Amino acid sequence: MLADIFARLQKQASTDESGVAAAFELNWQSLEPEAQKLACLLSLFALAPIPWSLVESAASASHLEFDLKANCTILVERYLLQELAEDTYQTHDRIRELLQQKLEKLAEVNELKRGYCQAMVAVAKDIPQTPTLIDITQATLAIPHLGEAATVYQAWLSDEHLISPFLGLGRFYEGQGAYEQALPWYKQSLSAARKRFGDEHPDVAGSLNNLAFIYRYQARYSEAEPLFIQALEMRKRLLGDEHLFVATSLNNLAGLYDSLGRYSDAENLYIEALAMRKRLLGDEHPYVATSLNNLALLYDSLGRYSDAENLFIEALKMRERLLGDEHPIVATSLNNLAGLYKSQGRYSDAEPLYIQALKMRKRLLGDEHLFVATSLNNLAELYKSQGRYSDAEPLYIQALEMRKRLLGDEHLFVATSLNNLAELYKSQGRYSDAEPLYIQALEMRKGLLGDEHPIVASSLNNLAELYKSQGRYSDAEPLYIEALAIAEKRLGANHPNTITFRKNLENLRRNRQP
């Protein structure tokens, strides 16, 4: 244990603070310069397990050209470093503090700090947008050290790579659906970029875009929209109208409008982004496939199924060609195409695709992942649509429990699972089981999104539908009225949800007439 190391160090002198420092100094003076430099380099790492591969990378970037392993052994023997496992080390907090004091006196101090940061930037760049289980496992031990580079040693990050550690940290958490943990890194990215470059810089625009993305995932649409727009306008000013980052901003703003039900605005932007990506990248590129997929999702929402199917299939085949048959994004395409078939009632076409996507996600992402929970939920939705309630229920429950474990009890995805399970129970006539779940989902959504959010309107409508099914018309009517008012205010009179809520209220009132 690290405490044992420190205890041994203390035994070499008196137990007071000056004695600890004196014992450390004796050990330090006995080290060769190479071992001293390595010890100083190690002091830059966070107080967490340090993979040896990171040490080698930082040493190489710092131009330390000596036998690292031999000197590492010496540090372990002198109680300045502990070997936790094979090729994994850690320093004690007090020893690290003393080593950092020595570091500041080294002539090579800035070179070591820059080398450390370069090594962490390389780690950040290796974290993909959609990390697999292997990616997460490989990056996990590096995350505390990446955080150290982003915060403590930010001044030694080059202009080119200033926001790279923040982006890597954001992707690490975002890829696992841990949006609350990703959010502060994206906020710090924006703050760091503004502090170094001013308000008008491509990295500022990129940071605005990334922060907006997290807000969108959290359904914080009113906060996301101005950031997306600001990022788009800045990129156009700085990079010109024809640039890949401009296309990305167009696509992202379109996605927000799609979520808000502003379909005509979304379609125009999706088409513009797709056309620009084709011009800049050619017809065969992962970004082009993403644009095709997003436009297909929009058409699916609009009921334009033949248009959506062609685009989904084109995106799926392109992703398989470019990324291989075994990739998280391919699984997403399979899931999306299955969703289209479900919308059309083509259940026999949808089921094998849902199952294929679920199995692929488990293989690539592990059994405990948000995308796996999404696949379980979607397959349950399919079974519910077919009246296969006994098949659907365990999948809904499994998805709900997984989301709670991964996200905590208070999260929008948890609320969605509660709502969906309630829908199943309502379909079975299990009204006493459905009601508390609907109410819990509604209260959670209000707490997370506020009282006047379109998703809250959907919950109000769903609870009203339950009461109507029970003949509890006086309980249902005020909920329908509230849902309709929110939808008209937030989505407009002609949004599909607004139309549905209006029809539901009209039907209720007709049923109540003598």
Protein backbone atom coordinates (compact mmCIF):
# COMPACT_ATOMS: atom_id res chain seq x y z
CA MET A 1 0.00 0.00 0.00
CA LEU A 2 1.07 3.61 -0.58
CA ALA A 3 0.66 4.28 3.11
CA ASP A 4 3.24 1.59 3.82
CA ILE A 5 5.71 3.29 1.50
CA PHE A 6 5.24 6.56 3.28
CA ALA A 7 5.57 4.84 6.65
CA ARG A 8 8.89 3.33 5.59
CA LEU A 9 10.08 6.73 4.47
CA GLN A 10 9.06 8.21 7.81
CA LYS A 11 11.01 5.54 9.69
CA GLN A 12 14.23 6.82 8.14
CA ALA A 13 13.91 10.00 10.19
CA SER A 14 11.82 11.47 12.97
CA THR A 15 8.05 11.44 12.67
CA ASP A 16 7.66 15.22 12.40
CA GLU A 17 7.28 17.03 9.09
CA SER A 18 10.87 18.21 8.96
CA GLY A 19 12.00 14.65 9.53
CA VAL A 20 9.92 13.40 6.60
CA ALA A 21 11.41 16.06 4.36
CA ALA A 22 14.88 15.23 5.60
CA ALA A 23 14.41 11.52 4.87
CA PHE A 24 13.10 12.34 1.43
CA GLU A 25 16.09 14.60 0.81
CA LEU A 26 18.50 11.79 1.71
CA ASN A 27 16.83 9.49 -0.78
CA TRP A 28 16.75 12.23 -3.39
CA GLN A 29 20.45 13.03 -3.10
CA SER A 30 21.33 9.36 -3.58
CA LEU A 31 19.58 9.26 -6.96
CA GLU A 32 21.37 9.66 -10.28
CA PRO A 33 20.18 12.62 -12.42
CA GLU A 34 18.25 10.27 -14.74
CA ALA A 35 16.25 8.81 -11.84
CA GLN A 36 15.60 12.32 -10.52
CA LYS A 37 14.21 13.42 -13.88
CA LEU A 38 11.96 10.38 -14.09
CA ALA A 39 10.72 10.98 -10.55
CA CYS A 40 9.92 14.59 -11.45
CA LEU A 41 8.08 13.46 -14.56
CA LEU A 42 6.04 11.02 -12.46
CA SER A 43 5.07 13.86 -10.11
CA LEU A 44 3.12 15.43 -12.96
CA PHE A 45 0.67 12.54 -13.02
CA ALA A 46 -2.49 12.63 -10.93
CA LEU A 47 -2.77 10.83 -7.60
CA ALA A 48 -4.10 7.73 -9.31
CA PRO A 49 -2.70 4.52 -10.82
CA ILE A 50 -0.27 5.35 -13.64
CA PRO A 51 0.01 2.92 -16.58
CA TRP A 52 3.63 2.48 -17.60
CA SER A 53 2.70 3.07 -21.25
CA LEU A 54 1.72 6.65 -20.31
CA VAL A 55 5.05 7.18 -18.58
CA GLU A 56 6.91 5.96 -21.67
CA SER A 57 4.83 8.24 -23.89
CA ALA A 58 5.43 11.29 -21.68
CA ALA A 59 9.15 10.48 -21.38
CA SER A 60 9.49 10.17 -25.13
CA ALA A 61 7.72 13.49 -25.70
CA SER A 62 10.02 15.03 -23.06
CA HIS A 63 13.14 13.62 -24.81
CA LEU A 64 14.26 11.53 -21.83
CA GLU A 65 16.67 9.16 -23.51
CA PHE A 66 17.80 6.72 -20.85
CA ASP A 67 16.75 3.36 -19.43
CA LEU A 68 13.37 4.19 -17.93
CA LYS A 69 12.64 0.78 -16.46
CA ALA A 70 15.94 0.54 -14.62
CA ASN A 71 15.41 3.94 -13.07
CA CYS A 72 11.82 3.11 -12.25
CA THR A 73 13.06 0.08 -10.29
CA ILE A 74 15.40 2.34 -8.34
CA LEU A 75 12.51 4.67 -7.44
CA VAL A 76 10.47 1.72 -6.18
CA GLU A 77 13.43 0.47 -4.12
CA ARG A 78 13.88 3.94 -2.58
CA TYR A 79 10.17 4.10 -1.59
CA LEU A 80 9.49 7.05 -3.91
CA LEU A 81 7.13 5.02 -6.06
CA GLN A 82 4.89 2.02 -5.55
CA GLU A 83 4.29 -0.72 -8.08
CA LEU A 84 0.57 -1.50 -7.79
CA ALA A 85 0.55 -4.23 -10.42
CA GLU A 86 2.60 -5.17 -13.42
CA ASP A 87 3.39 -1.95 -15.30
CA THR A 88 1.14 0.15 -13.06
CA TYR A 89 2.52 2.60 -10.49
CA GLN A 90 1.47 5.37 -8.12
CA THR A 91 3.08 7.98 -5.87
CA HIS A 92 2.06 8.89 -2.33
CA ASP A 93 0.52 12.36 -2.02
CA ARG A 94 3.25 13.77 0.25
CA ILE A 95 6.03 12.25 -1.86
CA ARG A 96 4.41 13.69 -4.98
CA GLU A 97 4.32 17.10 -3.33
CA LEU A 98 8.01 16.94 -2.50
CA LEU A 99 8.87 15.70 -5.99
CA GLN A 100 6.95 18.60 -7.53
CA GLN A 101 9.09 21.00 -5.51
CA LYS A 102 12.16 19.37 -7.05
CA LEU A 103 10.55 19.53 -10.48
CA GLU A 104 10.23 23.31 -10.33
CA LYS A 105 14.00 23.58 -9.79
CA LEU A 106 14.89 21.44 -12.81
CA ALA A 107 16.21 23.21 -15.89
CA GLU A 108 13.97 20.91 -17.95
CA VAL A 109 10.78 21.68 -16.00
CA ASN A 110 8.91 23.22 -18.94
CA GLU A 111 10.06 20.50 -21.31
CA LEU A 112 8.73 17.82 -18.95
CA LYS A 113 5.39 19.59 -18.56
CA ARG A 114 5.03 20.04 -22.32
CA GLY A 115 5.97 16.39 -22.89
CA TYR A 116 3.41 15.26 -20.33
CA CYS A 117 0.73 17.33 -22.04
CA GLN A 118 1.67 15.98 -25.47
CA ALA A 119 1.28 12.43 -24.17
CA MET A 120 -2.15 13.25 -22.74
CA VAL A 121 -3.24 14.89 -26.00
CA ALA A 122 -2.39 11.64 -27.81
CA VAL A 123 -4.58 9.75 -25.32
CA ALA A 124 -7.45 12.18 -25.86
CA LYS A 125 -7.28 11.83 -29.62
CA ASP A 126 -7.51 8.05 -29.33
CA ILE A 127 -10.91 8.24 -27.60
CA PRO A 128 -13.50 7.93 -30.40
CA GLN A 129 -16.86 9.69 -30.58
CA THR A 130 -18.61 6.37 -29.99
CA PRO A 131 -16.23 4.45 -27.71
CA THR A 132 -16.58 0.69 -27.48
CA LEU A 133 -16.11 -1.33 -24.31
CA ILE A 134 -12.48 -1.89 -25.34
CA ASP A 135 -11.98 1.85 -25.89
CA ILE A 136 -13.45 2.66 -22.47
CA THR A 137 -11.35 0.00 -20.75
CA GLN A 138 -8.16 1.22 -22.42
CA ALA A 139 -8.83 4.87 -21.57
CA THR A 140 -10.12 4.49 -18.01
CA LEU A 141 -6.76 4.54 -16.18
CA ALA A 142 -5.64 7.54 -18.23
CA ILE A 143 -8.69 9.69 -17.42
CA PRO A 144 -7.41 11.24 -14.13
CA HIS A 145 -4.11 12.10 -15.81
CA LEU A 146 -5.92 13.58 -18.80
CA GLY A 147 -7.86 15.75 -16.36
CA GLU A 148 -4.59 16.91 -14.83
CA ALA A 149 -3.33 18.07 -18.23
CA ALA A 150 -6.60 19.88 -18.96
CA THR A 151 -6.61 21.78 -15.69
CA VAL A 152 -3.32 21.96 -13.76
CA TYR A 153 -1.01 22.02 -16.79
CA GLN A 154 -3.27 23.82 -19.24
CA ALA A 155 -0.65 26.54 -19.77
CA TRP A 156 1.72 23.96 -21.28
CA LEU A 157 -0.80 22.77 -23.88
CA SER A 158 -0.04 24.18 -27.32
CA ASP A 159 -2.59 26.43 -29.03
CA GLU A 160 -3.27 23.67 -31.53
CA HIS A 161 -4.11 21.14 -28.83
CA LEU A 162 -5.52 23.34 -26.08
CA ILE A 163 -9.02 21.85 -26.09
CA SER A 164 -8.01 18.29 -27.06
CA PRO A 165 -7.89 16.95 -23.46
CA PHE A 166 -11.30 18.48 -22.73
CA LEU A 167 -12.76 16.89 -25.86
CA GLY A 168 -11.29 13.51 -24.98
CA LEU A 169 -12.75 13.67 -21.48
CA GLY A 170 -16.09 14.81 -22.85
CA ARG A 171 -16.22 11.97 -25.40
CA PHE A 172 -15.25 9.43 -22.73
CA TYR A 173 -18.26 10.32 -20.57
CA GLU A 174 -20.65 11.30 -23.37
CA GLY A 175 -20.02 7.97 -25.11
CA GLN A 176 -21.27 6.21 -21.99
CA GLY A 177 -24.32 8.45 -21.70
CA ALA A 178 -22.86 10.12 -18.60
CA TYR A 179 -23.87 13.59 -19.78
CA GLU A 180 -23.66 15.22 -16.35
CA GLN A 181 -20.01 14.14 -16.11
CA ALA A 182 -19.25 15.27 -19.66
CA LEU A 183 -20.87 18.69 -19.19
CA PRO A 184 -18.23 20.35 -16.96
CA TRP A 185 -15.41 19.33 -19.33
CA TYR A 186 -17.17 20.95 -22.28
CA LYS A 187 -17.84 24.05 -20.19
CA GLN A 188 -14.16 24.22 -19.23
CA SER A 189 -13.20 23.74 -22.88
CA LEU A 190 -15.19 26.83 -23.81
CA SER A 191 -13.74 28.82 -20.91
CA ALA A 192 -10.15 27.81 -21.75
CA ALA A 193 -10.56 28.62 -25.45
CA ARG A 194 -12.04 32.06 -24.73
CA LYS A 195 -9.35 32.85 -22.20
CA ARG A 196 -6.52 32.03 -24.61
CA PHE A 197 -7.99 33.04 -27.99
CA GLY A 198 -10.72 35.56 -27.26
CA ASP A 199 -14.37 35.27 -28.24
CA GLU A 200 -13.80 34.74 -31.97
CA HIS A 201 -11.87 31.55 -32.73
CA PRO A 202 -12.61 28.13 -34.31
CA ASP A 203 -11.97 26.37 -30.99
CA VAL A 204 -14.46 28.67 -29.29
CA ALA A 205 -17.02 27.76 -31.97
CA GLY A 206 -16.24 24.07 -31.55
CA SER A 207 -16.62 24.30 -27.79
CA LEU A 208 -19.96 26.09 -28.16
CA ASN A 209 -21.11 23.33 -30.50
CA ASN A 210 -20.06 20.54 -28.11
CA LEU A 211 -21.70 22.20 -25.13
CA ALA A 212 -24.90 22.65 -27.13
CA PHE A 213 -24.83 18.95 -28.02
CA ILE A 214 -24.83 17.95 -24.35
CA TYR A 215 -27.72 20.33 -23.65
CA ARG A 216 -29.63 18.76 -26.52
CA TYR A 217 -29.03 15.25 -25.14
CA GLN A 218 -30.38 16.49 -21.82
CA ALA A 219 -33.43 17.98 -23.59
CA ARG A 220 -32.32 21.46 -22.50
CA TYR A 221 -33.33 22.78 -25.90
CA SER A 222 -33.67 26.45 -25.00
CA GLU A 223 -30.05 26.45 -23.82
CA ALA A 224 -28.79 24.44 -26.80
CA GLU A 225 -30.31 26.51 -29.63
CA PRO A 226 -28.46 29.84 -29.10
CA LEU A 227 -25.16 27.98 -28.72
CA PHE A 228 -25.68 26.00 -31.94
CA ILE A 229 -26.59 29.19 -33.80
CA GLN A 230 -23.63 31.09 -32.35
CA ALA A 231 -21.26 28.26 -33.33
CA LEU A 232 -22.66 28.13 -36.87
CA GLU A 233 -22.40 31.89 -37.44
CA MET A 234 -18.87 32.03 -36.00
CA ARG A 235 -17.70 29.16 -38.19
CA LYS A 236 -19.09 30.85 -41.28
CA ARG A 237 -17.29 34.09 -40.40
CA LEU A 238 -13.98 32.40 -39.63
CA LEU A 239 -13.95 29.51 -42.08
CA GLY A 240 -16.22 30.59 -44.92
CA ASP A 241 -19.58 29.21 -45.98
CA GLU A 242 -18.10 26.04 -47.50
CA HIS A 243 -16.31 24.13 -44.75
CA LEU A 244 -16.74 20.78 -43.01
CA PHE A 245 -17.24 22.41 -39.61
CA VAL A 246 -19.98 24.58 -41.11
CA ALA A 247 -21.66 21.42 -42.43
CA THR A 248 -21.39 19.90 -38.96
CA SER A 249 -23.03 22.93 -37.40
CA LEU A 250 -25.84 22.83 -39.96
CA ASN A 251 -26.41 19.15 -39.21
CA ASN A 252 -26.41 19.70 -35.45
CA LEU A 253 -28.82 22.62 -35.56
CA ALA A 254 -31.07 20.52 -37.80
CA GLY A 255 -31.03 17.77 -35.17
CA LEU A 256 -32.18 20.23 -32.53
CA TYR A 257 -35.03 21.45 -34.72
CA ASP A 258 -35.99 17.85 -35.41
CA SER A 259 -36.23 17.26 -31.64
CA LEU A 260 -38.39 20.38 -31.31
CA GLY A 261 -40.71 19.28 -34.10
CA ARG A 262 -39.63 22.14 -36.37
CA TYR A 263 -39.46 19.71 -39.25
CA SER A 264 -39.35 22.09 -42.20
CA ASP A 265 -36.44 23.99 -40.63
CA ALA A 266 -34.69 20.73 -39.85
CA GLU A 267 -35.15 19.31 -43.36
CA ASN A 268 -33.65 22.36 -45.06
CA LEU A 269 -30.57 22.29 -42.84
CA TYR A 270 -30.11 18.51 -43.13
CA ILE A 271 -30.25 18.73 -46.92
CA GLU A 272 -27.80 21.65 -46.96
CA ALA A 273 -25.38 19.77 -44.70
CA LEU A 274 -25.65 16.60 -46.80
CA ALA A 275 -24.99 18.46 -50.05
CA MET A 276 -21.99 20.29 -48.57
CA ARG A 277 -20.50 17.10 -47.18
CA LYS A 278 -20.83 15.41 -50.55
CA ARG A 279 -19.13 18.33 -52.28
CA LEU A 280 -16.26 18.41 -49.76
CA LEU A 281 -15.83 14.69 -49.06
CA GLY A 282 -17.33 12.86 -52.02
CA ASP A 283 -20.31 10.54 -52.01
CA GLU A 284 -18.63 7.83 -49.90
CA HIS A 285 -17.71 9.04 -46.41
CA PRO A 286 -18.87 8.33 -42.82
CA TYR A 287 -20.08 11.94 -42.45
CA VAL A 288 -22.17 11.57 -45.59
CA ALA A 289 -23.65 8.38 -44.14
CA THR A 290 -24.47 10.29 -40.95
CA SER A 291 -26.30 12.96 -42.95
CA LEU A 292 -28.26 10.32 -44.84
CA ASN A 293 -29.20 8.63 -41.56
CA ASN A 294 -30.31 11.88 -39.93
CA LEU A 295 -32.44 12.90 -42.87
CA ALA A 296 -33.99 9.42 -42.83
CA LEU A 297 -34.86 9.81 -39.14
CA LEU A 298 -36.64 13.06 -39.96
CA TYR A 299 -38.64 11.46 -42.77
CA ASP A 300 -39.53 8.57 -40.47
CA SER A 301 -40.93 11.10 -37.97
CA LEU A 302 -42.96 12.69 -40.76
CA GLY A 303 -44.35 9.35 -41.95
CA ARG A 304 -42.49 9.60 -45.26
CA TYR A 305 -41.53 5.96 -44.98
CA SER A 306 -40.43 5.22 -48.53
CA ASP A 307 -38.08 8.22 -48.51
CA ALA A 308 -36.76 7.22 -45.10
CA GLU A 309 -36.22 3.57 -46.00
CA ASN A 310 -34.07 4.37 -49.03
CA LEU A 311 -31.86 6.69 -47.01
CA PHE A 312 -31.58 4.31 -44.05
CA ILE A 313 -30.51 1.46 -46.32
CA GLU A 314 -28.03 3.66 -48.17
CA ALA A 315 -26.52 4.85 -44.88
CA LEU A 316 -26.35 1.31 -43.48
CA LYS A 317 -24.60 -0.11 -46.56
CA MET A 318 -22.14 2.79 -46.65
CA ARG A 319 -21.30 2.37 -42.98
CA GLU A 320 -20.76 -1.36 -43.45
CA ARG A 321 -18.43 -0.69 -46.39
CA LEU A 322 -16.47 2.02 -44.60
CA LEU A 323 -16.50 0.80 -41.00
CA GLY A 324 -16.96 -2.94 -41.33
CA ASP A 325 -19.86 -5.12 -40.27
CA GLU A 326 -18.96 -4.92 -36.58
CA HIS A 327 -19.12 -1.30 -35.42
CA PRO A 328 -21.33 0.62 -32.95
CA ILE A 329 -22.50 2.99 -35.68
CA VAL A 330 -23.53 0.04 -37.86
CA ALA A 331 -25.56 -1.23 -34.91
CA THR A 332 -27.23 2.19 -34.73
CA SER A 333 -28.15 1.98 -38.41
CA LEU A 334 -29.65 -1.49 -37.90
CA ASN A 335 -31.63 -0.15 -34.94
CA ASN A 336 -32.91 2.83 -36.92
CA LEU A 337 -34.00 0.75 -39.90
CA ALA A 338 -35.78 -1.61 -37.51
CA GLY A 339 -37.56 1.38 -36.00
CA LEU A 340 -38.81 2.40 -39.43
CA TYR A 341 -40.17 -1.10 -40.09
CA LYS A 342 -41.88 -1.08 -36.70
CA SER A 343 -43.53 2.27 -37.55
CA GLN A 344 -44.93 0.64 -40.70
CA GLY A 345 -46.15 -2.44 -38.86
CA ARG A 346 -43.53 -4.58 -40.63
CA TYR A 347 -42.77 -6.46 -37.46
CA SER A 348 -41.18 -9.52 -39.05
CA ASP A 349 -38.70 -7.24 -40.82
CA ALA A 350 -38.00 -5.21 -37.70
CA GLU A 351 -37.40 -7.98 -35.15
CA PRO A 352 -34.23 -9.57 -36.63
CA LEU A 353 -32.66 -6.13 -37.07
CA TYR A 354 -33.42 -5.13 -33.47
CA ILE A 355 -31.98 -8.42 -32.23
CA GLN A 356 -28.88 -8.05 -34.43
CA ALA A 357 -28.31 -4.50 -33.15
CA LEU A 358 -28.76 -5.63 -29.54
CA LYS A 359 -26.27 -8.50 -29.87
CA MET A 360 -23.72 -6.30 -31.64
CA ARG A 361 -23.98 -3.62 -28.98
CA LYS A 362 -23.47 -6.19 -26.24
CA ARG A 363 -20.38 -7.56 -28.00
CA LEU A 364 -18.86 -4.15 -28.65
CA LEU A 365 -20.04 -2.14 -25.66
CA GLY A 366 -20.58 -4.75 -22.98
CA ASP A 367 -23.78 -5.91 -21.31
CA GLU A 368 -24.01 -2.77 -19.19
CA HIS A 369 -24.25 0.20 -21.56
CA LEU A 370 -26.83 2.84 -22.37
CA PHE A 371 -27.06 1.76 -26.01
CA VAL A 372 -27.75 -1.78 -24.84
CA ALA A 373 -30.54 -0.42 -22.62
CA THR A 374 -31.91 1.44 -25.63
CA SER A 375 -31.92 -1.75 -27.70
CA LEU A 376 -33.70 -3.65 -24.92
CA ASN A 377 -36.29 -0.88 -24.73
CA ASN A 378 -36.80 -0.83 -28.51
CA LEU A 379 -37.22 -4.58 -28.76
CA ALA A 380 -39.72 -4.38 -25.90
CA GLU A 381 -41.60 -1.68 -27.82
CA LEU A 382 -41.82 -3.99 -30.81
CA TYR A 383 -43.16 -6.86 -28.73
CA LYS A 384 -45.71 -4.58 -27.10
CA SER A 385 -46.89 -3.47 -30.54
CA GLN A 386 -47.43 -7.12 -31.41
CA GLY A 387 -49.30 -7.82 -28.19
CA ARG A 388 -46.42 -10.01 -26.97
CA TYR A 389 -46.68 -8.56 -23.49
CA SER A 390 -44.92 -11.39 -21.64
CA ASP A 391 -41.91 -10.95 -23.97
CA ALA A 392 -41.95 -7.17 -23.63
CA GLU A 393 -42.20 -6.79 -19.85
CA PRO A 394 -38.84 -8.33 -18.80
CA LEU A 395 -37.04 -6.28 -21.47
CA TYR A 396 -38.66 -3.04 -20.29
CA ILE A 397 -37.75 -3.86 -16.70
CA GLN A 398 -34.18 -4.78 -17.66
CA ALA A 399 -33.79 -1.50 -19.59
CA LEU A 400 -35.22 0.50 -16.67
CA GLU A 401 -32.94 -1.12 -14.11
CA MET A 402 -29.87 -0.69 -16.31
CA ARG A 403 -30.62 2.98 -16.86
CA LYS A 404 -31.01 3.49 -13.13
CA ARG A 405 -27.68 1.80 -12.44
CA LEU A 406 -25.88 3.80 -15.10
CA LEU A 407 -27.60 7.17 -14.73
CA GLY A 408 -29.10 7.23 -11.26
CA ASP A 409 -32.76 7.34 -10.32
CA GLU A 410 -33.35 10.87 -11.65
CA HIS A 411 -32.68 10.99 -15.38
CA LEU A 412 -34.71 11.57 -18.52
CA PHE A 413 -33.95 8.10 -19.85
CA VAL A 414 -35.18 6.62 -16.57
CA ALA A 415 -38.37 8.66 -16.92
CA THR A 416 -38.78 7.32 -20.46
CA SER A 417 -38.45 3.75 -19.22
CA LEU A 418 -41.01 4.36 -16.47
CA ASN A 419 -43.39 5.84 -19.02
CA ASN A 420 -42.91 2.92 -21.43
CA LEU A 421 -43.46 0.31 -18.76
CA ALA A 422 -46.61 2.17 -17.73
CA GLU A 423 -47.75 2.09 -21.37
CA LEU A 424 -47.34 -1.69 -21.36
CA TYR A 425 -49.37 -2.09 -18.18
CA LYS A 426 -52.09 0.18 -19.57
CA SER A 427 -52.24 -1.95 -22.73
CA GLN A 428 -52.81 -4.99 -20.50
CA GLY A 429 -55.50 -3.24 -18.47
CA ARG A 430 -53.20 -3.25 -15.41
CA TYR A 431 -54.24 0.28 -14.51
CA SER A 432 -53.19 0.17 -10.86
CA ASP A 433 -49.67 -0.81 -11.94
CA ALA A 434 -49.54 1.80 -14.70
CA GLU A 435 -50.74 4.86 -12.76
CA PRO A 436 -47.85 5.23 -10.25
CA LEU A 437 -45.31 4.78 -13.06
CA TYR A 438 -46.98 7.44 -15.22
CA ILE A 439 -47.08 9.82 -12.23
CA GLN A 440 -43.44 9.11 -11.36
CA ALA A 441 -42.36 9.72 -14.99
CA LEU A 442 -44.39 12.96 -15.11
CA GLU A 443 -42.95 14.30 -11.85
CA MET A 444 -39.42 13.39 -12.89
CA ARG A 445 -39.80 15.10 -16.25
CA LYS A 446 -41.19 18.22 -14.61
CA GLY A 447 -38.32 18.27 -12.16
CA LEU A 448 -35.71 17.86 -14.88
CA LEU A 449 -37.28 19.91 -17.69
CA GLY A 450 -39.67 22.34 -16.07
CA ASP A 451 -43.46 22.43 -16.18
CA GLU A 452 -43.78 23.64 -19.78
CA HIS A 453 -41.73 21.22 -21.83
CA PRO A 454 -43.06 19.19 -24.79
CA ILE A 455 -41.97 15.95 -23.10
CA VAL A 456 -43.94 16.96 -20.01
CA ALA A 457 -46.93 17.53 -22.29
CA SER A 458 -46.58 13.96 -23.57
CA SER A 459 -46.57 12.64 -20.00
CA LEU A 460 -49.67 14.64 -19.16
CA ASN A 461 -51.39 13.26 -22.25
CA ASN A 462 -50.39 9.68 -21.40
CA LEU A 463 -51.74 9.93 -17.85
CA ALA A 464 -54.93 11.46 -19.21
CA GLU A 465 -55.26 8.54 -21.63
CA LEU A 466 -55.02 6.14 -18.69
CA TYR A 467 -57.75 7.98 -16.79
CA LYS A 468 -59.95 8.05 -19.89
CA SER A 469 -59.52 4.27 -20.27
CA GLN A 470 -60.80 3.93 -16.72
CA GLY A 471 -63.74 6.26 -17.36
CA ARG A 472 -62.21 8.85 -15.01
CA TYR A 473 -63.10 11.72 -17.35
CA SER A 474 -62.99 14.48 -14.75
CA ASP A 475 -59.39 13.48 -13.90
CA ALA A 476 -58.39 13.19 -17.56
CA GLU A 477 -59.79 16.46 -18.94
CA PRO A 478 -57.55 18.96 -17.08
CA LEU A 479 -54.48 16.92 -18.03
CA TYR A 480 -55.46 16.96 -21.72
CA ILE A 481 -56.05 20.72 -21.53
CA GLU A 482 -52.67 21.31 -19.89
CA ALA A 483 -50.88 19.07 -22.42
CA LEU A 484 -52.54 20.85 -25.35
CA ALA A 485 -51.69 24.30 -23.99
CA ILE A 486 -48.02 23.38 -23.60
CA ALA A 487 -47.87 21.83 -27.08
CA GLU A 488 -49.51 24.82 -28.75
CA LYS A 489 -47.15 27.19 -26.98
CA ARG A 490 -43.93 25.22 -27.46
CA LEU A 491 -44.52 23.25 -30.68
CA GLY A 492 -47.16 25.20 -32.56
CA ALA A 493 -50.73 24.39 -33.56
CA ASN A 494 -49.80 22.09 -36.44
CA HIS A 495 -47.23 19.87 -34.76
CA PRO A 496 -48.21 16.16 -34.82
CA ASN A 497 -48.23 16.01 -31.02
CA THR A 498 -50.42 19.11 -30.77
CA ILE A 499 -52.88 17.61 -33.24
CA THR A 500 -52.94 14.33 -31.29
CA PHE A 501 -53.55 16.06 -27.95
CA ARG A 502 -56.33 18.17 -29.48
CA LYS A 503 -58.04 15.09 -30.93
CA ASN A 504 -57.75 13.27 -27.61
CA LEU A 505 -59.43 16.15 -25.79
CA GLU A 506 -62.19 16.35 -28.41
CA ASN A 507 -62.80 12.60 -28.18
CA LEU A 508 -63.00 12.79 -24.40
CA ARG A 509 -65.56 15.57 -24.55
CA ARG A 510 -67.63 13.65 -27.11
CA ASN A 511 -67.57 10.56 -24.88
CA ARG A 512 -68.78 12.61 -21.92
CA GLN A 513 -71.83 13.94 -23.78
CA PRO A 514 -75.10 12.28 -22.72
